[in-house]
N, C-alpha and C. Protein backbone atom coordinates (compact mmCIF):
# COMPACT_ATOMS: atom_id res chain seq x y z
N UNK A 1 -6.26 -27.72 4.27
CA UNK A 1 -4.82 -27.60 4.37
C UNK A 1 -4.27 -27.75 3.19
N UNK A 2 -4.55 -28.61 2.89
CA UNK A 2 -3.71 -29.36 0.83
C UNK A 2 -4.31 -27.86 0.12
N UNK A 3 -5.15 -27.57 0.27
CA UNK A 3 -5.28 -26.58 -0.79
C UNK A 3 -4.82 -25.25 -0.70
N UNK A 4 -4.48 -24.47 0.41
CA UNK A 4 -3.73 -24.04 1.31
C UNK A 4 -2.61 -23.30 0.64
N UNK A 5 -1.60 -24.94 0.79
CA UNK A 5 -0.46 -25.02 0.33
C UNK A 5 -0.16 -24.98 -1.18
N UNK A 6 -1.22 -25.95 -1.76
CA UNK A 6 -1.40 -25.74 -3.42
C UNK A 6 -1.48 -23.82 -4.09
N UNK A 7 -2.59 -23.38 -3.62
CA UNK A 7 -2.44 -21.99 -3.53
C UNK A 7 -0.84 -21.29 -3.56
N UNK A 8 -0.62 -21.65 -2.20
CA UNK A 8 0.89 -20.99 -2.12
C UNK A 8 1.88 -21.39 -2.95
N UNK A 9 1.65 -22.62 -3.38
CA UNK A 9 2.61 -22.95 -4.26
C UNK A 9 2.60 -22.39 -6.05
N UNK A 10 1.31 -22.07 -6.37
CA UNK A 10 0.90 -21.28 -7.24
C UNK A 10 1.29 -19.99 -7.42
N UNK A 11 1.33 -19.01 -6.18
CA UNK A 11 1.35 -18.08 -6.26
C UNK A 11 2.71 -17.61 -6.16
N UNK A 12 3.80 -18.64 -5.37
CA UNK A 12 5.08 -18.81 -5.83
C UNK A 12 5.30 -18.80 -7.44
N UNK A 13 4.67 -19.63 -8.02
CA UNK A 13 5.54 -20.05 -9.31
C UNK A 13 4.92 -18.89 -9.78
N UNK A 14 3.97 -18.38 -9.95
CA UNK A 14 3.40 -17.15 -10.69
C UNK A 14 4.01 -15.88 -10.54
N UNK A 15 4.59 -15.90 -9.55
CA UNK A 15 5.26 -14.29 -9.00
C UNK A 15 6.51 -14.24 -10.09
N UNK A 16 7.50 -15.23 -9.99
CA UNK A 16 8.43 -14.73 -11.33
C UNK A 16 8.19 -14.09 -12.72
N UNK A 17 7.02 -14.94 -13.20
CA UNK A 17 6.43 -14.50 -14.37
C UNK A 17 5.93 -13.50 -14.54
N UNK A 18 4.77 -13.04 -13.11
CA UNK A 18 4.33 -11.34 -13.25
C UNK A 18 5.36 -10.52 -12.97
N UNK A 19 6.65 -11.01 -12.55
CA UNK A 19 7.67 -9.71 -11.97
C UNK A 19 8.21 -9.45 -13.52
N UNK A 20 8.50 -10.41 -14.46
CA UNK A 20 9.32 -10.18 -15.67
C UNK A 20 8.14 -9.61 -16.48
N UNK A 21 6.86 -9.99 -16.12
CA UNK A 21 5.78 -9.20 -17.37
C UNK A 21 5.89 -7.56 -17.04
N UNK A 22 5.84 -7.28 -15.89
CA UNK A 22 5.59 -5.92 -15.03
C UNK A 22 6.96 -5.34 -15.94
N UNK A 23 8.56 -5.66 -15.46
CA UNK A 23 9.84 -5.37 -15.70
C UNK A 23 9.15 -5.02 -17.68
N UNK A 24 9.06 -5.86 -18.03
CA UNK A 24 9.13 -5.80 -19.37
C UNK A 24 7.81 -4.57 -20.08
N UNK A 25 6.94 -4.63 -19.29
CA UNK A 25 6.07 -3.36 -19.24
C UNK A 25 6.53 -2.24 -18.93
N UNK A 26 7.25 -2.20 -18.51
CA UNK A 26 8.16 -0.75 -17.79
C UNK A 26 7.29 -0.31 -16.89
N UNK A 27 6.41 -1.56 -15.60
CA UNK A 27 5.64 -0.51 -15.04
C UNK A 27 5.93 -0.93 -13.47
N UNK A 28 5.86 -0.25 -12.82
CA UNK A 28 6.18 0.05 -11.05
C UNK A 28 5.00 -0.10 -10.37
N UNK A 29 4.74 -0.75 -9.59
CA UNK A 29 3.61 -0.49 -8.45
C UNK A 29 4.21 0.10 -7.01
N UNK A 30 3.89 0.97 -6.77
CA UNK A 30 3.50 1.81 -5.38
C UNK A 30 2.59 1.29 -4.81
N UNK A 31 2.12 0.05 -4.20
CA UNK A 31 0.84 -0.22 -3.70
C UNK A 31 1.32 -0.58 -1.60
N UNK A 32 0.11 -0.31 -1.01
CA UNK A 32 0.63 -0.08 0.62
C UNK A 32 1.32 0.57 1.12
N UNK A 33 1.60 0.38 2.58
CA UNK A 33 1.96 1.26 2.88
C UNK A 33 3.62 1.33 2.65
N UNK A 34 4.03 2.71 2.59
CA UNK A 34 5.25 3.21 2.29
C UNK A 34 6.46 2.82 3.16
N UNK A 35 7.03 2.29 3.35
CA UNK A 35 8.27 1.89 4.00
C UNK A 35 9.78 1.66 3.58
N UNK A 36 10.64 2.01 4.25
CA UNK A 36 11.95 1.56 3.68
C UNK A 36 12.37 0.25 2.53
N UNK A 37 11.07 -0.61 3.22
CA UNK A 37 11.74 -2.16 2.25
C UNK A 37 10.77 -1.51 0.70
N UNK A 38 9.59 -1.20 0.79
CA UNK A 38 9.17 -0.68 -0.34
C UNK A 38 9.76 0.42 -1.20
N UNK A 39 10.09 1.30 -0.49
CA UNK A 39 11.61 2.57 -1.05
C UNK A 39 12.66 1.63 -1.83
N UNK A 40 13.12 1.07 -0.73
CA UNK A 40 14.57 -0.17 -1.66
C UNK A 40 13.91 -0.81 -2.67
N UNK A 41 12.87 -1.58 -2.91
CA UNK A 41 12.57 -2.19 -3.83
C UNK A 41 12.65 -0.85 -5.06
N UNK A 42 11.12 -0.30 -4.70
CA UNK A 42 11.18 0.91 -5.99
C UNK A 42 12.54 1.37 -6.59
N UNK A 43 12.95 1.69 -5.45
CA UNK A 43 14.49 2.54 -6.35
C UNK A 43 15.34 1.60 -7.26
N UNK A 44 15.26 0.34 -6.69
CA UNK A 44 16.27 -0.99 -7.67
C UNK A 44 15.29 -1.21 -9.14
N UNK A 45 14.18 -0.97 -8.85
CA UNK A 45 13.05 -1.18 -10.23
C UNK A 45 13.52 -0.41 -11.00
N UNK A 46 13.62 1.04 -10.77
CA UNK A 46 13.73 2.66 -11.47
C UNK A 46 14.95 2.48 -11.90
N UNK A 47 15.96 2.20 -11.05
CA UNK A 47 17.37 2.03 -11.86
C UNK A 47 17.42 0.98 -13.26
N UNK A 48 17.39 -0.26 -12.55
CA UNK A 48 17.20 -1.37 -13.54
C UNK A 48 16.50 -1.12 -14.75
N UNK A 49 15.28 -0.38 -14.99
CA UNK A 49 14.36 -0.01 -15.79
C UNK A 49 15.31 1.32 -16.57
N UNK A 50 16.04 2.17 -15.93
CA UNK A 50 16.78 3.31 -16.52
C UNK A 50 17.69 2.60 -17.45
N UNK A 51 18.48 1.82 -16.96
CA UNK A 51 19.46 1.10 -17.59
C UNK A 51 19.30 0.12 -18.42
N UNK A 52 17.64 -0.22 -18.28
CA UNK A 52 17.28 -0.81 -19.65
C UNK A 52 16.84 -0.16 -20.82
N UNK A 53 16.67 1.03 -20.64
CA UNK A 53 15.95 1.54 -21.93
C UNK A 53 15.84 3.09 -21.74
N UNK A 54 15.49 4.16 -22.23
CA UNK A 54 15.08 5.27 -21.78
C UNK A 54 13.90 5.44 -22.28
N UNK A 55 12.85 4.53 -22.66
CA UNK A 55 11.45 4.33 -22.97
C UNK A 55 10.58 4.79 -21.54
N UNK A 56 9.57 5.50 -21.55
CA UNK A 56 9.21 6.14 -20.44
C UNK A 56 8.75 4.88 -19.62
N UNK A 57 8.60 5.31 -18.21
CA UNK A 57 8.05 4.12 -17.21
C UNK A 57 6.70 4.60 -16.55
N UNK A 58 6.05 3.61 -16.19
CA UNK A 58 4.37 3.97 -15.37
C UNK A 58 4.73 3.43 -14.23
N UNK A 59 4.29 4.54 -13.37
CA UNK A 59 4.23 4.01 -12.06
C UNK A 59 2.86 4.29 -11.13
N UNK A 60 2.04 2.97 -11.10
CA UNK A 60 1.27 3.08 -10.71
C UNK A 60 1.10 3.17 -8.98
N UNK A 61 0.24 3.80 -8.33
CA UNK A 61 0.30 4.04 -7.07
C UNK A 61 -1.24 3.90 -6.74
N UNK A 62 -1.13 3.01 -5.37
CA UNK A 62 -2.29 2.98 -4.46
C UNK A 62 -2.09 2.96 -3.22
N UNK A 63 -2.15 4.10 -2.36
CA UNK A 63 -1.32 3.80 -1.05
C UNK A 63 -2.01 4.90 0.04
N UNK A 64 -2.53 4.27 1.23
CA UNK A 64 -2.30 5.21 2.40
C UNK A 64 -1.31 6.15 3.08
N UNK A 65 -0.10 5.81 2.40
CA UNK A 65 1.14 6.91 2.64
C UNK A 65 1.78 5.88 3.48
N UNK A 66 2.45 6.62 4.42
CA UNK A 66 3.31 5.61 5.37
C UNK A 66 4.30 6.72 5.87
N UNK A 67 5.50 6.18 6.14
CA UNK A 67 6.80 6.98 6.62
C UNK A 67 6.95 8.14 5.42
N UNK A 68 7.54 9.34 6.17
CA UNK A 68 7.63 10.06 5.10
C UNK A 68 8.92 10.41 4.30
N UNK A 69 9.96 9.86 5.43
CA UNK A 69 11.32 9.78 4.51
C UNK A 69 11.59 8.46 3.21
N UNK A 70 10.78 7.53 3.41
CA UNK A 70 10.84 6.48 2.35
C UNK A 70 10.06 6.82 1.64
N UNK A 71 9.07 7.66 1.43
CA UNK A 71 8.19 8.40 0.73
C UNK A 71 9.20 9.69 -0.52
N UNK A 72 10.14 10.04 0.53
CA UNK A 72 11.34 10.75 -0.06
C UNK A 72 12.41 10.00 -1.09
N UNK A 73 12.70 9.04 -0.47
CA UNK A 73 13.58 8.25 -1.27
C UNK A 73 12.70 7.58 -2.61
N UNK A 74 11.65 7.42 -2.69
CA UNK A 74 11.54 7.22 -3.68
C UNK A 74 10.98 8.45 -4.39
N UNK A 75 10.52 9.80 -4.00
CA UNK A 75 10.59 11.01 -4.95
C UNK A 75 11.64 11.27 -5.47
N UNK A 76 12.55 11.18 -4.46
CA UNK A 76 13.70 12.03 -5.16
C UNK A 76 14.48 11.03 -6.19
N UNK A 77 14.31 9.38 -5.94
CA UNK A 77 14.94 8.36 -7.07
C UNK A 77 14.01 8.77 -8.75
N UNK A 78 12.82 8.77 -8.31
CA UNK A 78 11.98 9.30 -9.85
C UNK A 78 13.05 10.63 -10.39
N UNK A 79 13.08 11.67 -9.83
CA UNK A 79 13.90 12.63 -10.27
C UNK A 79 15.24 12.14 -10.53
N UNK A 80 15.87 11.36 -9.70
CA UNK A 80 17.29 11.05 -10.04
C UNK A 80 17.61 10.39 -11.64
N UNK A 81 16.68 9.15 -11.71
CA UNK A 81 16.85 8.69 -12.92
C UNK A 81 16.58 9.83 -14.35
N UNK A 82 16.93 9.50 -15.31
CA UNK A 82 17.16 10.64 -16.59
C UNK A 82 15.81 9.88 -17.49
N UNK A 83 14.84 9.34 -17.19
CA UNK A 83 13.92 8.95 -17.85
C UNK A 83 12.46 9.35 -17.25
N UNK A 84 11.82 10.19 -18.66
CA UNK A 84 10.36 10.05 -18.45
C UNK A 84 9.33 9.16 -17.85
N UNK A 85 8.57 9.69 -16.63
CA UNK A 85 7.97 8.55 -15.96
C UNK A 85 6.16 9.03 -16.11
N UNK A 86 5.26 8.48 -16.19
CA UNK A 86 4.05 8.43 -15.76
C UNK A 86 3.73 7.61 -14.63
N UNK A 87 2.99 9.13 -13.75
CA UNK A 87 2.27 8.58 -12.74
C UNK A 87 0.61 8.20 -12.64
N UNK A 88 0.50 7.14 -12.33
CA UNK A 88 -0.96 6.93 -12.02
C UNK A 88 -1.53 6.52 -10.86
N UNK A 89 -2.55 7.76 -10.64
CA UNK A 89 -3.14 6.95 -9.09
C UNK A 89 -4.35 6.37 -9.53
N UNK A 90 -4.25 5.23 -8.45
CA UNK A 90 -5.41 4.31 -8.29
C UNK A 90 -5.93 3.86 -7.18
N UNK A 91 -7.15 3.43 -6.63
CA UNK A 91 -7.52 3.34 -5.36
C UNK A 91 -7.53 4.73 -4.56
N UNK A 92 -6.67 4.70 -3.62
CA UNK A 92 -6.36 5.86 -3.18
C UNK A 92 -4.90 6.48 -2.75
N UNK A 93 -4.88 7.58 -2.95
CA UNK A 93 -3.31 8.54 -2.97
C UNK A 93 -3.38 9.18 -1.61
N UNK A 94 -2.46 8.66 -0.92
CA UNK A 94 -2.95 9.85 0.54
C UNK A 94 -1.47 10.09 1.51
N UNK A 95 -1.24 10.85 2.04
CA UNK A 95 -0.10 11.33 2.51
C UNK A 95 1.24 11.10 1.92
N UNK A 96 1.92 10.40 2.71
CA UNK A 96 3.40 10.24 1.65
C UNK A 96 3.40 9.76 0.34
N UNK A 97 2.00 9.30 0.04
CA UNK A 97 1.97 8.66 -1.45
C UNK A 97 2.02 9.78 -2.07
N UNK A 98 1.04 11.07 -1.73
CA UNK A 98 1.13 12.23 -2.66
C UNK A 98 2.50 13.26 -2.77
N UNK A 99 3.32 12.68 -1.99
CA UNK A 99 4.73 13.36 -2.38
C UNK A 99 5.18 12.78 -3.46
N UNK A 100 5.39 10.72 -3.30
CA UNK A 100 5.34 10.32 -4.49
C UNK A 100 4.96 10.76 -5.69
N UNK A 101 3.28 10.62 -5.61
CA UNK A 101 3.04 11.43 -6.75
C UNK A 101 3.46 12.28 -7.36
N UNK A 102 3.94 13.52 -6.66
CA UNK A 102 3.96 14.60 -7.23
C UNK A 102 5.52 14.98 -7.40
N UNK A 103 5.93 13.82 -7.78
CA UNK A 103 7.46 13.83 -8.47
C UNK A 103 7.49 14.05 -9.76
N UNK A 104 6.63 14.15 -10.84
CA UNK A 104 6.68 14.08 -12.31
C UNK A 104 5.77 15.42 -12.36
N UNK A 105 6.13 15.65 -13.44
CA UNK A 105 5.12 17.25 -14.20
C UNK A 105 3.75 16.69 -13.90
N UNK A 106 3.29 17.65 -14.22
CA UNK A 106 1.83 17.59 -13.86
C UNK A 106 1.31 17.31 -14.93
N UNK A 107 1.47 17.50 -16.89
CA UNK A 107 1.37 16.87 -17.58
C UNK A 107 1.13 15.39 -17.41
N UNK A 108 2.43 14.46 -16.91
CA UNK A 108 2.84 13.04 -16.41
C UNK A 108 1.63 12.40 -15.13
N UNK A 109 1.01 13.49 -14.45
CA UNK A 109 0.27 13.00 -13.36
C UNK A 109 -1.24 12.90 -13.82
N UNK A 110 -1.85 11.57 -13.99
CA UNK A 110 -2.91 11.08 -14.13
C UNK A 110 -3.51 10.45 -13.32
N UNK A 111 -5.05 9.82 -13.46
CA UNK A 111 -5.37 8.84 -12.31
C UNK A 111 -6.82 8.18 -12.89
N UNK A 112 -6.75 7.32 -12.46
CA UNK A 112 -8.13 6.40 -12.92
C UNK A 112 -9.20 7.11 -12.17
N UNK A 113 -10.27 6.93 -12.81
CA UNK A 113 -11.84 7.63 -12.27
C UNK A 113 -12.17 7.94 -10.68
N UNK A 114 -11.90 6.40 -10.14
CA UNK A 114 -12.09 6.09 -8.67
C UNK A 114 -10.91 6.66 -7.63
N UNK A 115 -10.37 7.05 -7.97
CA UNK A 115 -9.34 7.62 -7.58
C UNK A 115 -9.38 8.64 -5.98
N UNK A 116 -9.18 8.42 -4.87
CA UNK A 116 -9.19 9.54 -4.01
C UNK A 116 -8.20 9.94 -4.12
N UNK A 117 -7.63 10.92 -3.14
CA UNK A 117 -6.34 11.44 -3.04
C UNK A 117 -6.72 12.50 -1.32
N UNK A 118 -5.64 11.89 -0.54
CA UNK A 118 -5.78 12.40 0.88
C UNK A 118 -4.53 13.19 0.96
N UNK A 119 -4.89 14.83 1.49
CA UNK A 119 -3.46 15.71 2.01
C UNK A 119 -3.39 15.99 3.32
N UNK A 120 -2.52 15.79 4.00
CA UNK A 120 -2.56 16.37 5.43
C UNK A 120 -1.19 16.50 6.27
N UNK A 121 -1.57 17.12 7.08
CA UNK A 121 0.12 17.87 7.69
C UNK A 121 0.84 16.33 8.41
N UNK A 122 2.07 15.89 8.54
CA UNK A 122 2.68 14.74 8.93
C UNK A 122 2.14 14.52 10.44
N UNK A 123 2.37 13.46 10.97
CA UNK A 123 2.08 13.09 12.46
C UNK A 123 2.99 12.60 12.98
N UNK A 124 3.44 12.31 14.02
CA UNK A 124 3.98 11.46 14.92
C UNK A 124 4.31 10.94 16.20
N UNK A 125 4.49 10.34 16.56
CA UNK A 125 4.48 9.85 18.14
C UNK A 125 6.11 10.03 18.72
N UNK A 126 5.64 11.23 19.86
CA UNK A 126 6.89 11.67 20.08
C UNK A 126 7.05 11.13 21.46
N UNK A 127 7.78 10.59 21.88
CA UNK A 127 8.20 10.15 23.53
C UNK A 127 9.66 10.57 24.11
N UNK A 128 9.66 10.49 25.40
CA UNK A 128 11.09 10.38 26.15
C UNK A 128 11.17 11.35 26.85
N UNK A 129 12.27 12.15 26.57
CA UNK A 129 12.50 13.18 27.65
C UNK A 129 11.84 14.81 26.90
N UNK A 130 11.71 15.60 27.39
CA UNK A 130 10.80 16.45 27.08
C UNK A 130 11.83 17.06 26.17
N UNK A 131 13.30 17.08 26.23
CA UNK A 131 14.14 17.80 25.34
C UNK A 131 13.92 16.99 23.89
N UNK A 132 13.82 15.96 24.00
CA UNK A 132 13.78 15.30 22.70
C UNK A 132 12.34 15.32 22.21
N UNK A 133 11.27 15.68 23.11
CA UNK A 133 10.05 15.80 22.53
C UNK A 133 9.95 17.39 22.07
N UNK A 134 10.80 17.73 22.38
CA UNK A 134 10.74 19.72 21.60
C UNK A 134 11.63 19.16 20.20
N UNK A 135 12.54 18.60 20.21
CA UNK A 135 13.37 18.22 19.37
C UNK A 135 12.64 17.87 17.88
N UNK A 136 11.62 16.78 18.36
CA UNK A 136 10.78 16.06 17.60
C UNK A 136 9.61 17.02 16.72
N UNK A 137 9.25 17.36 17.90
CA UNK A 137 7.95 18.57 17.21
C UNK A 137 8.09 19.50 16.48
N UNK A 138 10.08 20.05 16.61
CA UNK A 138 10.41 21.14 15.69
C UNK A 138 10.87 20.38 14.01
N UNK A 139 11.11 18.87 14.31
CA UNK A 139 11.29 18.23 12.82
C UNK A 139 10.24 18.11 12.12
N UNK A 140 8.83 17.61 12.84
CA UNK A 140 7.60 17.72 12.20
C UNK A 140 7.03 18.86 11.61
N UNK A 141 7.69 19.74 12.58
CA UNK A 141 6.95 21.29 11.86
C UNK A 141 7.77 21.82 10.54
N UNK A 142 8.99 21.20 10.31
CA UNK A 142 10.10 21.14 9.36
C UNK A 142 9.65 20.50 8.13
N UNK A 143 8.74 19.39 8.70
CA UNK A 143 8.39 18.08 7.54
C UNK A 143 7.16 18.78 7.10
N UNK A 144 6.46 19.53 7.68
CA UNK A 144 5.04 19.92 7.50
C UNK A 144 5.14 21.35 6.30
N UNK A 145 6.37 21.79 6.77
CA UNK A 145 6.36 23.27 6.16
C UNK A 145 7.07 22.60 4.60
N UNK A 146 7.61 21.66 4.73
CA UNK A 146 8.37 21.24 3.67
C UNK A 146 7.16 20.38 2.47
N UNK A 147 6.51 19.72 3.35
CA UNK A 147 5.12 18.90 2.17
C UNK A 147 4.07 20.07 1.97
N UNK A 148 3.77 20.87 2.75
CA UNK A 148 3.02 22.47 2.17
C UNK A 148 3.81 23.14 0.75
N UNK A 149 5.03 23.33 0.81
CA UNK A 149 6.01 23.64 -0.25
C UNK A 149 5.47 22.85 -1.33
N UNK A 150 6.21 22.01 -1.01
CA UNK A 150 5.98 20.88 -2.33
C UNK A 150 4.09 20.91 -3.36
N UNK A 151 3.53 20.67 -2.02
CA UNK A 151 2.26 20.37 -2.90
C UNK A 151 1.90 21.56 -3.35
N UNK A 152 1.87 23.41 -2.89
CA UNK A 152 2.11 24.41 -3.07
C UNK A 152 2.77 24.54 -4.54
N UNK A 153 3.88 24.22 -4.69
CA UNK A 153 4.41 24.60 -6.02
C UNK A 153 4.07 23.26 -7.41
N UNK A 154 3.69 22.26 -6.84
CA UNK A 154 3.37 21.00 -7.66
C UNK A 154 1.67 21.49 -8.13
N UNK A 155 1.13 22.07 -7.57
CA UNK A 155 -0.70 22.37 -7.68
C UNK A 155 -1.24 23.40 -8.23
N UNK A 156 0.03 24.44 -7.81
CA UNK A 156 -0.35 25.46 -8.32
C UNK A 156 -1.15 26.50 -7.08
N UNK A 157 -1.75 25.93 -6.17
CA UNK A 157 -2.42 26.53 -4.99
C UNK A 157 -1.19 27.75 -4.03
N UNK A 158 -2.12 28.71 -3.30
CA UNK A 158 -1.07 28.91 -2.63
C UNK A 158 -0.19 28.29 -1.38
N UNK A 159 0.65 29.18 -0.91
CA UNK A 159 1.10 27.87 -0.09
C UNK A 159 0.35 28.14 1.36
N UNK A 160 -0.14 29.75 1.22
CA UNK A 160 -1.22 29.63 2.44
C UNK A 160 -2.41 28.53 2.59
N UNK A 161 -3.23 28.21 1.13
CA UNK A 161 -4.29 27.76 1.22
C UNK A 161 -3.85 26.52 1.49
N UNK A 162 -2.61 25.58 0.66
CA UNK A 162 -2.22 24.52 1.52
C UNK A 162 -2.14 24.07 2.81
N UNK A 163 -1.32 25.34 3.60
CA UNK A 163 -1.28 25.02 4.67
C UNK A 163 -2.28 24.95 5.51
N UNK A 164 -3.22 25.73 5.19
CA UNK A 164 -4.76 25.73 5.95
C UNK A 164 -5.41 24.19 5.44
N UNK A 165 -5.35 23.90 4.21
CA UNK A 165 -5.88 22.41 3.79
C UNK A 165 -5.41 21.19 4.73
N UNK A 166 -4.12 21.17 4.66
CA UNK A 166 -3.81 20.04 5.15
C UNK A 166 -3.50 20.19 6.77
N UNK A 167 -3.95 21.20 7.24
CA UNK A 167 -4.31 21.25 9.08
C UNK A 167 -4.43 20.38 9.41
N UNK A 168 -6.23 19.42 8.55
CA UNK A 168 -6.75 18.39 8.70
C UNK A 168 -7.11 17.38 7.77
N UNK A 169 -7.22 16.46 7.80
CA UNK A 169 -7.44 15.34 6.25
C UNK A 169 -8.30 16.16 5.47
N UNK A 170 -7.52 16.07 4.37
CA UNK A 170 -8.38 16.84 2.97
C UNK A 170 -8.24 16.25 2.26
N UNK A 171 -9.76 15.44 2.04
CA UNK A 171 -9.63 14.33 0.72
C UNK A 171 -10.34 14.72 -0.25
N UNK A 172 -9.88 14.38 -0.96
CA UNK A 172 -10.41 14.98 -2.66
C UNK A 172 -10.87 13.67 -3.72
N UNK A 173 -11.77 13.84 -4.57
CA UNK A 173 -12.12 13.05 -5.50
C UNK A 173 -11.07 13.12 -6.39
N UNK A 174 -11.34 12.27 -7.83
CA UNK A 174 -10.19 12.66 -9.29
C UNK A 174 -10.51 14.01 -9.68
N UNK A 175 -11.99 14.42 -9.50
CA UNK A 175 -12.23 15.65 -10.23
C UNK A 175 -12.03 16.78 -9.54
N UNK A 176 -12.18 16.61 -7.99
CA UNK A 176 -11.82 17.48 -7.46
C UNK A 176 -9.85 17.74 -7.52
N UNK A 177 -9.43 16.44 -6.90
CA UNK A 177 -7.95 16.54 -7.25
C UNK A 177 -7.31 17.44 -8.63
N UNK A 178 -8.43 17.06 -10.16
CA UNK A 178 -8.17 17.91 -10.80
C UNK A 178 -8.44 19.28 -11.00
N UNK A 179 -9.33 19.74 -10.24
CA UNK A 179 -9.20 21.44 -9.85
C UNK A 179 -8.38 21.65 -9.01
N UNK A 180 -7.92 21.31 -8.27
CA UNK A 180 -6.88 21.56 -6.87
C UNK A 180 -5.17 21.38 -7.79
N UNK A 181 -5.15 20.82 -8.90
CA UNK A 181 -3.78 20.78 -9.48
C UNK A 181 -2.99 19.54 -9.41
N UNK A 182 -3.51 18.41 -8.44
CA UNK A 182 -3.07 17.69 -8.21
C UNK A 182 -2.59 16.45 -9.52
N UNK A 183 -3.62 16.43 -10.27
CA UNK A 183 -3.34 15.52 -11.77
C UNK A 183 -3.68 16.20 -12.57
N UNK A 184 -3.31 16.16 -13.75
CA UNK A 184 -4.10 17.12 -15.39
C UNK A 184 -5.03 16.61 -15.62
N UNK A 185 -5.20 14.80 -16.00
CA UNK A 185 -6.45 14.52 -16.06
C UNK A 185 -6.81 13.07 -15.71
N UNK A 186 -8.02 12.30 -15.78
CA UNK A 186 -8.29 11.48 -15.66
C UNK A 186 -8.38 10.71 -16.95
N UNK A 187 -8.10 9.29 -16.61
CA UNK A 187 -7.89 8.45 -18.00
C UNK A 187 -8.69 7.18 -17.47
N UNK A 188 -8.92 6.32 -18.45
CA UNK A 188 -9.49 5.07 -18.20
C UNK A 188 -8.67 4.01 -18.82
N UNK A 189 -8.24 4.29 -20.00
CA UNK A 189 -7.68 3.28 -20.20
C UNK A 189 -5.80 3.33 -20.77
N UNK A 190 -5.11 2.43 -20.49
CA UNK A 190 -3.66 2.37 -20.52
C UNK A 190 -3.15 3.40 -21.88
N UNK A 191 -3.85 2.84 -22.71
CA UNK A 191 -3.47 3.58 -24.01
C UNK A 191 -3.82 5.11 -24.38
N UNK A 192 -4.43 5.78 -23.06
CA UNK A 192 -4.75 6.98 -23.04
C UNK A 192 -3.12 7.85 -22.30
N UNK A 193 -2.34 6.95 -22.30
CA UNK A 193 -0.99 7.41 -21.59
C UNK A 193 0.00 7.90 -22.37
N UNK A 194 0.58 8.93 -22.10
CA UNK A 194 1.54 9.64 -23.47
C UNK A 194 2.50 9.11 -23.50
């Protein structure tokens, strides 16, 4: 029990140090499930970094996705700040994380060699009265159309192909994501970022 408490204290003491180093390196992490809390945290960091300097920001993404609108917040905030952003995929970039990933120009979208990408249509849990379920279903269709259009526009694929591909889970390796147009190239070292 004492060891667990000591480890918690070490992590707590280390956290401000790591936060400062990440800020100074102009690096933002989008790791884990995308939700309102993560969107707010990433937005605050982006605004602070943009106020600090006009130097590029690097965003590392490893996320299964999450809440579509929370991903939209991050996507829009990246476009909102007037700073170049490098997007680096690592681990996996899935679902709503793909929308975040596609917020920067293709030449600034890269990934590490073992990254996997997942595109698919949105899902939702509909419940309630029949009228409410019909409204929710229409909204999910609108989101699916918007996501298809974003992926098509940013990848160079046809809307018809993307719409077909996202009908079910569509997995891609780093090389397949490059061929699809999600990334410009794969990198191995941080020094390879422009």
